[in-house]
N, C-alpha and C. Protein backbone atom coordinates (compact mmCIF):
# COMPACT_ATOMS: atom_id res chain seq x y z
N MET A 1 -61.90 -16.61 47.04
CA MET A 1 -62.80 -16.25 45.97
C MET A 1 -64.07 -17.07 46.09
N SER A 2 -65.23 -16.39 46.11
CA SER A 2 -66.51 -17.07 46.30
C SER A 2 -67.33 -16.98 45.02
N PHE A 3 -67.96 -18.11 44.68
CA PHE A 3 -68.82 -18.17 43.51
C PHE A 3 -70.27 -18.44 43.88
N GLY A 4 -70.59 -18.38 45.17
CA GLY A 4 -71.95 -18.61 45.63
C GLY A 4 -72.33 -20.08 45.51
N GLU A 5 -73.62 -20.32 45.37
CA GLU A 5 -74.13 -21.68 45.29
C GLU A 5 -74.19 -22.21 43.85
N LEU A 6 -73.79 -21.38 42.88
CA LEU A 6 -73.80 -21.75 41.46
C LEU A 6 -75.20 -22.11 40.99
N GLN A 7 -76.18 -21.33 41.43
CA GLN A 7 -77.56 -21.57 41.03
C GLN A 7 -78.02 -20.59 39.95
N THR A 8 -77.46 -19.40 39.93
CA THR A 8 -77.89 -18.38 38.95
C THR A 8 -76.94 -18.38 37.75
N PRO A 9 -77.41 -17.92 36.59
CA PRO A 9 -76.54 -17.83 35.41
C PRO A 9 -75.34 -16.92 35.64
N GLU A 10 -75.51 -15.86 36.45
CA GLU A 10 -74.39 -14.94 36.73
C GLU A 10 -73.29 -15.66 37.51
N GLU A 11 -73.67 -16.47 38.50
CA GLU A 11 -72.68 -17.22 39.29
C GLU A 11 -71.95 -18.24 38.42
N LEU A 12 -72.71 -18.92 37.57
CA LEU A 12 -72.10 -19.90 36.68
C LEU A 12 -71.19 -19.23 35.66
N ALA A 13 -71.59 -18.07 35.14
CA ALA A 13 -70.76 -17.34 34.18
C ALA A 13 -69.48 -16.87 34.84
N GLY A 14 -69.57 -16.43 36.10
CA GLY A 14 -68.38 -16.00 36.83
C GLY A 14 -67.43 -17.16 37.07
N PHE A 15 -67.98 -18.32 37.43
CA PHE A 15 -67.15 -19.51 37.65
C PHE A 15 -66.50 -19.97 36.34
N ASN A 16 -67.26 -19.92 35.26
CA ASN A 16 -66.73 -20.29 33.94
C ASN A 16 -65.59 -19.35 33.54
N LYS A 17 -65.74 -18.03 33.82
CA LYS A 17 -64.70 -17.03 33.51
C LYS A 17 -63.44 -17.31 34.33
N HIS A 18 -63.65 -17.69 35.62
CA HIS A 18 -62.50 -18.02 36.48
C HIS A 18 -61.72 -19.21 35.92
N LEU A 19 -62.44 -20.24 35.44
CA LEU A 19 -61.80 -21.46 34.92
C LEU A 19 -61.17 -21.26 33.54
N GLU A 20 -61.41 -20.09 32.95
CA GLU A 20 -60.81 -19.80 31.64
C GLU A 20 -59.29 -19.74 31.74
N ASN A 21 -58.78 -19.22 32.87
CA ASN A 21 -57.33 -19.07 33.06
C ASN A 21 -56.79 -19.94 34.19
N ASN A 22 -57.66 -20.71 34.85
CA ASN A 22 -57.24 -21.54 35.97
C ASN A 22 -57.76 -22.97 35.78
N SER A 23 -56.97 -23.93 36.22
CA SER A 23 -57.39 -25.33 36.10
C SER A 23 -58.30 -25.76 37.23
N PHE A 24 -58.15 -25.12 38.41
CA PHE A 24 -58.93 -25.52 39.57
C PHE A 24 -59.49 -24.29 40.28
N VAL A 25 -60.31 -24.53 41.29
CA VAL A 25 -60.94 -23.43 42.03
C VAL A 25 -59.86 -22.56 42.67
N ASP A 26 -58.90 -23.19 43.32
CA ASP A 26 -57.78 -22.46 43.91
C ASP A 26 -56.78 -22.16 42.79
N PRO A 27 -56.53 -20.89 42.45
CA PRO A 27 -55.64 -20.56 41.32
C PRO A 27 -54.22 -21.07 41.49
N SER A 28 -53.76 -21.26 42.73
CA SER A 28 -52.39 -21.72 42.97
C SER A 28 -52.27 -23.25 42.98
N SER A 29 -53.40 -23.96 42.92
CA SER A 29 -53.39 -25.43 43.02
C SER A 29 -53.05 -26.06 41.68
N LYS A 30 -52.34 -27.18 41.74
CA LYS A 30 -52.00 -27.94 40.54
C LYS A 30 -52.71 -29.28 40.49
N GLU A 31 -53.58 -29.53 41.46
CA GLU A 31 -54.34 -30.77 41.48
C GLU A 31 -55.69 -30.53 42.17
N VAL A 32 -56.54 -31.53 42.09
CA VAL A 32 -57.88 -31.42 42.67
C VAL A 32 -57.77 -31.26 44.19
N GLY A 33 -58.44 -30.24 44.71
CA GLY A 33 -58.45 -29.99 46.15
C GLY A 33 -59.85 -30.12 46.72
N GLN A 34 -59.97 -29.89 48.02
CA GLN A 34 -61.27 -29.99 48.69
C GLN A 34 -62.25 -28.94 48.17
N LYS A 35 -61.74 -27.75 47.81
CA LYS A 35 -62.61 -26.69 47.27
C LYS A 35 -63.24 -27.16 45.96
N ASP A 36 -62.47 -27.85 45.13
CA ASP A 36 -63.00 -28.38 43.87
C ASP A 36 -64.09 -29.42 44.13
N ILE A 37 -63.84 -30.30 45.08
CA ILE A 37 -64.81 -31.35 45.40
C ILE A 37 -66.10 -30.73 45.93
N ASP A 38 -65.98 -29.71 46.81
CA ASP A 38 -67.17 -29.03 47.35
C ASP A 38 -67.95 -28.34 46.23
N MET A 39 -67.24 -27.68 45.33
CA MET A 39 -67.89 -26.98 44.22
C MET A 39 -68.58 -27.98 43.28
N PHE A 40 -67.93 -29.11 43.05
CA PHE A 40 -68.51 -30.13 42.18
C PHE A 40 -69.79 -30.69 42.78
N GLN A 41 -69.81 -30.87 44.11
CA GLN A 41 -71.02 -31.38 44.78
C GLN A 41 -72.19 -30.40 44.64
N ARG A 42 -71.88 -29.09 44.55
CA ARG A 42 -72.95 -28.12 44.34
C ARG A 42 -73.57 -28.27 42.95
N LEU A 43 -72.76 -28.70 41.98
CA LEU A 43 -73.24 -28.80 40.60
C LEU A 43 -73.90 -30.14 40.29
N THR A 44 -73.81 -31.11 41.20
CA THR A 44 -74.34 -32.44 40.89
C THR A 44 -75.84 -32.47 40.73
N SER A 45 -76.54 -31.49 41.29
CA SER A 45 -78.00 -31.47 41.17
C SER A 45 -78.46 -30.81 39.87
N ARG A 46 -77.51 -30.23 39.11
CA ARG A 46 -77.86 -29.52 37.89
C ARG A 46 -77.89 -30.47 36.69
N SER A 47 -78.56 -30.05 35.64
CA SER A 47 -78.68 -30.85 34.42
C SER A 47 -77.35 -30.91 33.68
N VAL A 48 -77.16 -32.02 32.96
CA VAL A 48 -75.94 -32.19 32.17
C VAL A 48 -75.89 -31.18 31.03
N ALA A 49 -77.06 -30.75 30.54
CA ALA A 49 -77.12 -29.76 29.45
C ALA A 49 -76.50 -28.44 29.88
N LEU A 50 -76.46 -28.17 31.19
CA LEU A 50 -75.88 -26.94 31.70
C LEU A 50 -74.40 -26.84 31.34
N PHE A 51 -73.71 -27.98 31.39
CA PHE A 51 -72.26 -27.97 31.14
C PHE A 51 -71.95 -27.60 29.69
N LYS A 52 -72.87 -27.85 28.79
CA LYS A 52 -72.64 -27.50 27.38
C LYS A 52 -72.63 -25.99 27.18
N GLN A 53 -73.35 -25.26 28.04
CA GLN A 53 -73.39 -23.80 27.94
C GLN A 53 -72.12 -23.16 28.48
N TYR A 54 -71.42 -23.88 29.39
CA TYR A 54 -70.21 -23.33 30.02
C TYR A 54 -69.05 -24.30 29.78
N PRO A 55 -68.31 -24.11 28.69
CA PRO A 55 -67.27 -25.08 28.29
C PRO A 55 -66.15 -25.24 29.32
N ASN A 56 -65.78 -24.17 30.00
CA ASN A 56 -64.70 -24.28 30.98
C ASN A 56 -65.15 -25.08 32.20
N VAL A 57 -66.40 -24.92 32.59
CA VAL A 57 -66.96 -25.70 33.70
C VAL A 57 -67.03 -27.17 33.29
N SER A 58 -67.39 -27.42 32.03
CA SER A 58 -67.46 -28.80 31.52
C SER A 58 -66.08 -29.47 31.56
N ARG A 59 -65.04 -28.74 31.09
CA ARG A 59 -63.67 -29.27 31.12
C ARG A 59 -63.23 -29.55 32.55
N TRP A 60 -63.50 -28.60 33.44
CA TRP A 60 -63.13 -28.75 34.86
C TRP A 60 -63.83 -29.95 35.49
N SER A 61 -65.13 -30.13 35.21
CA SER A 61 -65.87 -31.24 35.81
C SER A 61 -65.34 -32.59 35.33
N LYS A 62 -64.92 -32.66 34.06
CA LYS A 62 -64.33 -33.92 33.55
C LYS A 62 -63.04 -34.23 34.29
N THR A 63 -62.26 -33.20 34.57
CA THR A 63 -61.00 -33.39 35.33
C THR A 63 -61.30 -33.88 36.74
N ILE A 64 -62.33 -33.31 37.36
CA ILE A 64 -62.70 -33.72 38.72
C ILE A 64 -63.13 -35.19 38.72
N ILE A 65 -63.95 -35.56 37.75
CA ILE A 65 -64.43 -36.95 37.66
C ILE A 65 -63.27 -37.89 37.41
N GLN A 66 -62.35 -37.47 36.57
CA GLN A 66 -61.22 -38.33 36.23
C GLN A 66 -60.27 -38.52 37.42
N GLN A 67 -60.08 -37.48 38.22
CA GLN A 67 -59.11 -37.54 39.31
C GLN A 67 -59.74 -37.88 40.67
N THR A 68 -61.01 -38.16 40.68
CA THR A 68 -61.66 -38.56 41.92
C THR A 68 -62.50 -39.79 41.68
N GLN A 69 -62.89 -40.43 42.78
CA GLN A 69 -63.78 -41.58 42.70
C GLN A 69 -65.17 -41.11 43.08
N VAL A 70 -66.13 -41.27 42.16
CA VAL A 70 -67.51 -40.90 42.46
C VAL A 70 -68.28 -42.20 42.63
N ARG A 71 -68.77 -42.48 43.86
CA ARG A 71 -69.47 -43.72 44.15
C ARG A 71 -70.92 -43.45 44.49
N ASP A 72 -71.78 -44.35 44.06
CA ASP A 72 -73.22 -44.26 44.36
C ASP A 72 -73.78 -42.90 43.99
N PHE A 73 -73.39 -42.40 42.83
CA PHE A 73 -73.82 -41.06 42.43
C PHE A 73 -75.08 -41.13 41.59
N SER A 74 -76.07 -40.36 41.96
CA SER A 74 -77.26 -40.19 41.12
C SER A 74 -77.63 -38.72 41.17
N CYS A 75 -77.83 -38.10 39.99
CA CYS A 75 -78.09 -36.66 39.91
C CYS A 75 -79.30 -36.28 40.75
N GLY A 76 -79.17 -35.22 41.49
CA GLY A 76 -80.27 -34.70 42.26
C GLY A 76 -80.37 -35.28 43.66
N ASP A 77 -79.59 -36.32 43.97
CA ASP A 77 -79.69 -36.94 45.29
C ASP A 77 -78.35 -36.78 45.99
N MET A 78 -78.18 -35.70 46.72
CA MET A 78 -76.89 -35.39 47.35
C MET A 78 -76.55 -36.37 48.47
N SER A 79 -77.55 -37.05 49.04
CA SER A 79 -77.27 -37.99 50.12
C SER A 79 -76.50 -39.21 49.61
N ASN A 80 -76.63 -39.51 48.30
CA ASN A 80 -75.93 -40.66 47.74
C ASN A 80 -74.65 -40.28 47.01
N CYS A 81 -74.27 -39.01 47.05
CA CYS A 81 -73.08 -38.55 46.32
C CYS A 81 -71.87 -38.59 47.25
N ASN A 82 -70.97 -39.54 47.04
CA ASN A 82 -69.75 -39.66 47.82
C ASN A 82 -68.56 -39.45 46.91
N ILE A 83 -67.74 -38.48 47.22
CA ILE A 83 -66.57 -38.17 46.38
C ILE A 83 -65.33 -38.30 47.25
N ALA A 84 -64.37 -39.05 46.78
CA ALA A 84 -63.10 -39.20 47.49
C ALA A 84 -61.97 -38.99 46.49
N LYS A 85 -60.91 -38.34 46.93
CA LYS A 85 -59.78 -38.05 46.05
C LYS A 85 -58.94 -39.30 45.86
N ILE A 86 -58.50 -39.52 44.62
CA ILE A 86 -57.60 -40.63 44.32
C ILE A 86 -56.17 -40.17 44.58
N ASP A 87 -55.37 -41.00 45.27
CA ASP A 87 -54.02 -40.60 45.60
C ASP A 87 -53.05 -40.75 44.43
N ASP A 88 -53.25 -41.78 43.62
CA ASP A 88 -52.29 -41.99 42.54
C ASP A 88 -52.64 -41.14 41.33
N LYS A 89 -51.81 -41.23 40.30
CA LYS A 89 -51.95 -40.40 39.11
C LYS A 89 -53.24 -40.71 38.38
N PRO A 90 -53.81 -39.70 37.71
CA PRO A 90 -55.00 -39.98 36.91
C PRO A 90 -54.65 -40.88 35.73
N LYS A 91 -55.61 -41.69 35.34
CA LYS A 91 -55.40 -42.62 34.23
C LYS A 91 -55.32 -41.84 32.92
N ASP A 92 -54.36 -42.18 32.12
CA ASP A 92 -54.21 -41.53 30.82
C ASP A 92 -55.24 -42.10 29.86
N VAL A 93 -56.18 -41.27 29.46
CA VAL A 93 -57.26 -41.75 28.61
C VAL A 93 -56.76 -42.07 27.19
N HIS A 94 -55.59 -41.56 26.83
CA HIS A 94 -55.05 -41.81 25.50
C HIS A 94 -54.20 -43.09 25.46
N ASN A 95 -54.01 -43.72 26.61
CA ASN A 95 -53.27 -44.98 26.70
C ASN A 95 -51.83 -44.84 26.23
N ARG A 96 -51.21 -43.71 26.55
CA ARG A 96 -49.82 -43.48 26.14
C ARG A 96 -48.89 -44.15 27.13
N PRO A 97 -47.72 -44.68 26.69
CA PRO A 97 -46.78 -45.30 27.64
C PRO A 97 -46.08 -44.23 28.47
N GLU A 98 -45.66 -44.61 29.67
CA GLU A 98 -44.91 -43.70 30.53
C GLU A 98 -43.58 -43.38 29.87
N LYS A 99 -42.98 -42.26 30.27
CA LYS A 99 -41.69 -41.90 29.70
C LYS A 99 -40.66 -42.95 30.06
N GLY A 100 -39.90 -43.41 29.10
CA GLY A 100 -38.88 -44.42 29.34
C GLY A 100 -39.38 -45.84 29.22
N ASP A 101 -40.70 -46.05 29.27
CA ASP A 101 -41.26 -47.40 29.13
C ASP A 101 -41.35 -47.76 27.67
N LYS A 102 -41.13 -49.01 27.39
CA LYS A 102 -41.27 -49.50 26.02
C LYS A 102 -42.50 -50.38 25.97
N LYS A 103 -43.23 -50.27 24.89
CA LYS A 103 -44.40 -51.13 24.74
C LYS A 103 -43.93 -52.55 24.53
N THR A 104 -44.58 -53.46 25.27
CA THR A 104 -44.19 -54.87 25.19
C THR A 104 -44.89 -55.58 24.04
N ALA A 105 -45.99 -55.02 23.59
CA ALA A 105 -46.73 -55.69 22.51
C ALA A 105 -45.93 -55.64 21.22
N LYS A 106 -45.82 -56.77 20.59
CA LYS A 106 -45.10 -56.83 19.33
C LYS A 106 -46.04 -56.47 18.19
N ILE A 107 -45.50 -55.75 17.24
CA ILE A 107 -46.29 -55.37 16.08
C ILE A 107 -46.03 -56.40 14.99
N ASP A 108 -47.13 -56.94 14.48
CA ASP A 108 -47.00 -57.92 13.40
C ASP A 108 -46.56 -57.22 12.13
N GLN A 109 -45.42 -57.62 11.63
CA GLN A 109 -44.91 -57.04 10.40
C GLN A 109 -44.60 -58.16 9.42
N LYS A 110 -44.83 -57.87 8.17
CA LYS A 110 -44.49 -58.85 7.15
C LYS A 110 -42.97 -58.85 6.98
N PRO A 111 -42.38 -60.03 6.79
CA PRO A 111 -40.93 -60.06 6.60
C PRO A 111 -40.54 -59.31 5.33
N LYS A 112 -39.43 -58.62 5.43
CA LYS A 112 -38.96 -57.85 4.27
C LYS A 112 -38.44 -58.80 3.20
N GLN A 113 -38.76 -58.48 1.97
CA GLN A 113 -38.28 -59.28 0.85
C GLN A 113 -37.30 -58.44 0.04
N ALA A 114 -36.29 -59.11 -0.45
CA ALA A 114 -35.29 -58.41 -1.25
C ALA A 114 -35.92 -57.94 -2.55
N HIS A 115 -35.47 -56.80 -3.00
CA HIS A 115 -35.96 -56.28 -4.27
C HIS A 115 -35.42 -57.17 -5.39
N PRO A 116 -36.30 -57.59 -6.29
CA PRO A 116 -35.83 -58.54 -7.31
C PRO A 116 -34.72 -57.97 -8.18
N GLY A 117 -34.80 -56.70 -8.54
CA GLY A 117 -33.75 -56.08 -9.35
C GLY A 117 -33.57 -56.78 -10.68
N LYS A 118 -32.41 -56.57 -11.27
CA LYS A 118 -32.10 -57.21 -12.55
C LYS A 118 -31.43 -58.55 -12.27
N PRO A 119 -31.76 -59.59 -13.05
CA PRO A 119 -31.08 -60.87 -12.85
C PRO A 119 -29.60 -60.75 -13.20
N ILE A 120 -28.79 -61.37 -12.35
CA ILE A 120 -27.33 -61.30 -12.55
C ILE A 120 -26.91 -62.48 -13.40
N GLY A 121 -26.27 -62.19 -14.49
CA GLY A 121 -25.79 -63.26 -15.38
C GLY A 121 -24.56 -63.94 -14.79
N ARG A 122 -24.38 -65.20 -15.14
CA ARG A 122 -23.24 -65.96 -14.64
C ARG A 122 -21.98 -65.56 -15.41
N GLU A 123 -20.94 -65.23 -14.66
CA GLU A 123 -19.67 -64.82 -15.30
C GLU A 123 -18.98 -66.04 -15.91
N ALA A 124 -18.22 -65.81 -16.97
CA ALA A 124 -17.56 -66.90 -17.71
C ALA A 124 -16.49 -67.59 -16.86
N TYR A 125 -15.79 -66.84 -16.00
CA TYR A 125 -14.70 -67.44 -15.22
C TYR A 125 -15.22 -68.45 -14.19
N ILE A 126 -16.49 -68.33 -13.78
CA ILE A 126 -17.04 -69.26 -12.79
C ILE A 126 -17.08 -70.68 -13.35
N ASP A 127 -17.54 -70.82 -14.58
CA ASP A 127 -17.58 -72.15 -15.22
C ASP A 127 -16.19 -72.75 -15.33
N LYS A 128 -15.19 -71.91 -15.66
CA LYS A 128 -13.80 -72.41 -15.78
C LYS A 128 -13.28 -72.89 -14.42
N ARG A 129 -13.58 -72.14 -13.36
CA ARG A 129 -13.13 -72.53 -12.01
C ARG A 129 -13.80 -73.82 -11.56
N LEU A 130 -15.10 -73.95 -11.83
CA LEU A 130 -15.80 -75.18 -11.45
C LEU A 130 -15.25 -76.39 -12.21
N GLU A 131 -14.95 -76.20 -13.46
CA GLU A 131 -14.38 -77.29 -14.27
C GLU A 131 -13.02 -77.70 -13.72
N ARG A 132 -12.19 -76.71 -13.35
CA ARG A 132 -10.85 -77.00 -12.78
C ARG A 132 -10.99 -77.71 -11.43
N TRP A 133 -11.97 -77.30 -10.62
CA TRP A 133 -12.20 -77.93 -9.31
C TRP A 133 -12.57 -79.40 -9.49
N ASP A 134 -13.44 -79.69 -10.45
CA ASP A 134 -13.85 -81.07 -10.68
C ASP A 134 -12.67 -81.93 -11.12
N GLU A 135 -11.76 -81.36 -11.93
CA GLU A 135 -10.56 -82.09 -12.37
C GLU A 135 -9.67 -82.42 -11.17
N LEU A 136 -9.40 -81.42 -10.33
CA LEU A 136 -8.53 -81.64 -9.17
C LEU A 136 -9.14 -82.63 -8.19
N ARG A 137 -10.45 -82.54 -8.01
CA ARG A 137 -11.12 -83.46 -7.10
C ARG A 137 -11.06 -84.90 -7.61
N ALA A 138 -11.29 -85.08 -8.89
CA ALA A 138 -11.22 -86.43 -9.48
C ALA A 138 -9.81 -86.99 -9.39
N SER A 139 -8.82 -86.14 -9.62
CA SER A 139 -7.41 -86.57 -9.53
C SER A 139 -7.05 -86.99 -8.12
N HIS A 140 -7.50 -86.20 -7.11
CA HIS A 140 -7.19 -86.52 -5.72
C HIS A 140 -7.90 -87.80 -5.28
N ASN A 141 -9.17 -87.97 -5.67
CA ASN A 141 -9.91 -89.18 -5.30
C ASN A 141 -9.27 -90.43 -5.90
N LYS A 142 -8.76 -90.30 -7.13
CA LYS A 142 -8.08 -91.42 -7.79
C LYS A 142 -6.82 -91.81 -7.02
N TRP A 143 -6.02 -90.79 -6.61
CA TRP A 143 -4.80 -91.04 -5.84
C TRP A 143 -5.14 -91.68 -4.50
N LEU A 144 -6.21 -91.20 -3.84
CA LEU A 144 -6.63 -91.74 -2.55
C LEU A 144 -7.05 -93.20 -2.67
N ASP A 145 -7.76 -93.54 -3.75
CA ASP A 145 -8.18 -94.92 -3.98
C ASP A 145 -6.97 -95.83 -4.17
N GLU A 146 -5.94 -95.32 -4.87
CA GLU A 146 -4.71 -96.10 -5.07
C GLU A 146 -4.02 -96.38 -3.73
N GLN A 147 -3.99 -95.37 -2.85
CA GLN A 147 -3.36 -95.54 -1.53
C GLN A 147 -4.13 -96.57 -0.69
N LYS A 148 -5.48 -96.50 -0.76
CA LYS A 148 -6.30 -97.44 0.01
C LYS A 148 -6.13 -98.86 -0.51
N ALA A 149 -5.91 -99.00 -1.81
CA ALA A 149 -5.72 -100.34 -2.40
C ALA A 149 -4.44 -100.97 -1.89
N GLY A 150 -3.44 -100.15 -1.61
CA GLY A 150 -2.17 -100.67 -1.08
C GLY A 150 -2.10 -100.60 0.43
N SER A 151 -3.25 -100.59 1.10
CA SER A 151 -3.30 -100.46 2.55
C SER A 151 -2.69 -101.67 3.24
N VAL A 152 -2.00 -101.42 4.35
CA VAL A 152 -1.40 -102.48 5.15
C VAL A 152 -1.85 -102.33 6.60
N PRO A 153 -1.88 -103.43 7.36
CA PRO A 153 -2.25 -103.33 8.78
C PRO A 153 -1.21 -102.53 9.56
N ILE A 154 -1.70 -101.68 10.48
CA ILE A 154 -0.79 -100.86 11.30
C ILE A 154 -1.22 -100.96 12.77
N LYS A 155 -0.31 -100.57 13.66
CA LYS A 155 -0.59 -100.49 15.10
C LYS A 155 -0.62 -99.00 15.47
N VAL A 156 -1.73 -98.60 16.09
CA VAL A 156 -1.87 -97.21 16.53
C VAL A 156 -1.60 -97.18 18.02
N THR A 157 -0.57 -96.38 18.43
CA THR A 157 -0.19 -96.27 19.83
C THR A 157 -0.74 -94.97 20.40
N LEU A 158 -1.54 -95.09 21.45
CA LEU A 158 -2.14 -93.93 22.10
C LEU A 158 -1.16 -93.32 23.10
N PRO A 159 -1.38 -92.09 23.56
CA PRO A 159 -0.46 -91.44 24.51
C PRO A 159 -0.24 -92.22 25.79
N ASP A 160 -1.24 -93.02 26.23
CA ASP A 160 -1.08 -93.79 27.46
C ASP A 160 -0.34 -95.12 27.23
N GLY A 161 0.07 -95.38 25.96
CA GLY A 161 0.82 -96.60 25.64
C GLY A 161 -0.05 -97.72 25.10
N LYS A 162 -1.33 -97.61 25.15
CA LYS A 162 -2.24 -98.64 24.65
C LYS A 162 -2.15 -98.69 23.13
N GLN A 163 -2.17 -99.90 22.56
CA GLN A 163 -2.07 -100.08 21.11
C GLN A 163 -3.37 -100.63 20.54
N LEU A 164 -3.77 -100.06 19.39
CA LEU A 164 -4.99 -100.49 18.70
C LEU A 164 -4.63 -100.85 17.27
N ASP A 165 -5.42 -101.79 16.68
CA ASP A 165 -5.20 -102.20 15.29
C ASP A 165 -5.88 -101.23 14.35
N GLY A 166 -5.26 -101.02 13.16
CA GLY A 166 -5.83 -100.15 12.15
C GLY A 166 -5.29 -100.50 10.78
N ASP A 167 -5.76 -99.81 9.77
CA ASP A 167 -5.30 -99.99 8.39
C ASP A 167 -4.82 -98.64 7.86
N SER A 168 -3.65 -98.64 7.20
CA SER A 168 -3.12 -97.39 6.67
C SER A 168 -4.03 -96.85 5.57
N TRP A 169 -4.19 -95.53 5.55
CA TRP A 169 -5.03 -94.81 4.58
C TRP A 169 -6.53 -95.10 4.70
N ILE A 170 -6.91 -95.90 5.69
CA ILE A 170 -8.33 -96.19 5.89
C ILE A 170 -8.76 -95.76 7.29
N THR A 171 -8.01 -96.18 8.33
CA THR A 171 -8.34 -95.84 9.72
C THR A 171 -7.98 -94.38 9.97
N SER A 172 -8.97 -93.62 10.44
CA SER A 172 -8.74 -92.19 10.73
C SER A 172 -8.70 -91.97 12.24
N PRO A 173 -8.17 -90.83 12.67
CA PRO A 173 -8.19 -90.52 14.11
C PRO A 173 -9.63 -90.53 14.68
N MET A 174 -10.62 -90.18 13.87
CA MET A 174 -12.01 -90.20 14.35
C MET A 174 -12.48 -91.63 14.59
N ASP A 175 -12.02 -92.56 13.74
CA ASP A 175 -12.37 -93.97 13.94
C ASP A 175 -11.79 -94.47 15.27
N ILE A 176 -10.57 -94.07 15.59
CA ILE A 176 -9.93 -94.47 16.85
C ILE A 176 -10.71 -93.88 18.03
N ALA A 177 -11.09 -92.59 17.94
CA ALA A 177 -11.83 -91.93 19.02
C ALA A 177 -13.18 -92.60 19.24
N LYS A 178 -13.87 -92.95 18.14
CA LYS A 178 -15.17 -93.63 18.26
C LYS A 178 -15.02 -95.01 18.88
N GLY A 179 -13.90 -95.68 18.59
CA GLY A 179 -13.65 -96.99 19.17
C GLY A 179 -13.44 -96.92 20.67
N LEU A 180 -12.90 -95.80 21.15
CA LEU A 180 -12.67 -95.63 22.59
C LEU A 180 -13.95 -95.19 23.30
N SER A 181 -14.63 -94.16 22.76
CA SER A 181 -15.83 -93.62 23.41
C SER A 181 -16.53 -92.66 22.46
N ASN A 182 -17.87 -92.75 22.42
CA ASN A 182 -18.63 -91.83 21.58
C ASN A 182 -18.52 -90.39 22.08
N SER A 183 -18.48 -90.22 23.41
CA SER A 183 -18.37 -88.87 23.97
C SER A 183 -17.01 -88.26 23.62
N LEU A 184 -15.96 -89.08 23.58
CA LEU A 184 -14.64 -88.59 23.17
C LEU A 184 -14.68 -88.15 21.71
N ALA A 185 -15.34 -88.92 20.86
CA ALA A 185 -15.44 -88.58 19.44
C ALA A 185 -16.18 -87.26 19.26
N LYS A 186 -17.23 -87.03 20.08
CA LYS A 186 -17.99 -85.78 19.96
C LYS A 186 -17.18 -84.59 20.46
N ALA A 187 -16.30 -84.83 21.46
CA ALA A 187 -15.52 -83.73 22.05
C ALA A 187 -14.26 -83.41 21.26
N CYS A 188 -13.85 -84.31 20.35
CA CYS A 188 -12.60 -84.11 19.60
C CYS A 188 -12.71 -82.93 18.64
N ILE A 189 -11.64 -82.18 18.55
CA ILE A 189 -11.56 -81.08 17.60
C ILE A 189 -10.42 -81.31 16.62
N ILE A 190 -9.27 -81.75 17.14
CA ILE A 190 -8.08 -81.94 16.29
C ILE A 190 -7.27 -83.10 16.85
N SER A 191 -6.47 -83.72 15.99
CA SER A 191 -5.63 -84.84 16.45
C SER A 191 -4.22 -84.68 15.91
N LYS A 192 -3.28 -85.35 16.59
CA LYS A 192 -1.89 -85.37 16.14
C LYS A 192 -1.52 -86.80 15.79
N VAL A 193 -0.95 -86.96 14.61
CA VAL A 193 -0.46 -88.28 14.17
C VAL A 193 1.03 -88.17 13.98
N ASP A 194 1.79 -88.93 14.77
CA ASP A 194 3.26 -88.86 14.76
C ASP A 194 3.75 -87.42 14.94
N GLY A 195 3.06 -86.72 15.83
CA GLY A 195 3.49 -85.34 16.15
C GLY A 195 3.02 -84.31 15.15
N VAL A 196 2.24 -84.72 14.14
CA VAL A 196 1.78 -83.77 13.12
C VAL A 196 0.28 -83.59 13.28
N GLN A 197 -0.18 -82.34 13.29
CA GLN A 197 -1.62 -82.09 13.46
C GLN A 197 -2.35 -82.39 12.17
């Protein structure tokens, strides 16, 4: 299909009509070809206002510019017009991510706050439970103080047979572990005293 030199309005109108249903000069092509580049070079000497009269030619020329590299181009000077096809994909002017890619930029969001709602009143049974807890705790602490008051010196025998001095109801397995090594005390989880965990 020939469109001539694209100098007359009839040639330009014919080319514009062709591009109405086709993306490129070659109807079977899905990308910029040499025919498109040759046709674009014919139009480089024309005024930019010309493209406004022919919308399909304008759309096509933007595609050519986007998918090719135009170097040292100045309108009207064909000796300085060098066009080379770009091998990789055209740049997405909308800056959309590729399929399957996730945007790495984090979006600043305000932390969510709980809805204040209605204030919840304190139930009556909670005060009773807290009062009972305080009674039991005071009773246990009193018993523990009595046991400590009657403390006697004891010998603590380790699994390897080594014996250490201690006081009943005062010396704890953690105190023994700290006396041996701080790292042992940090690594301890549970202890057995006379076979009882």
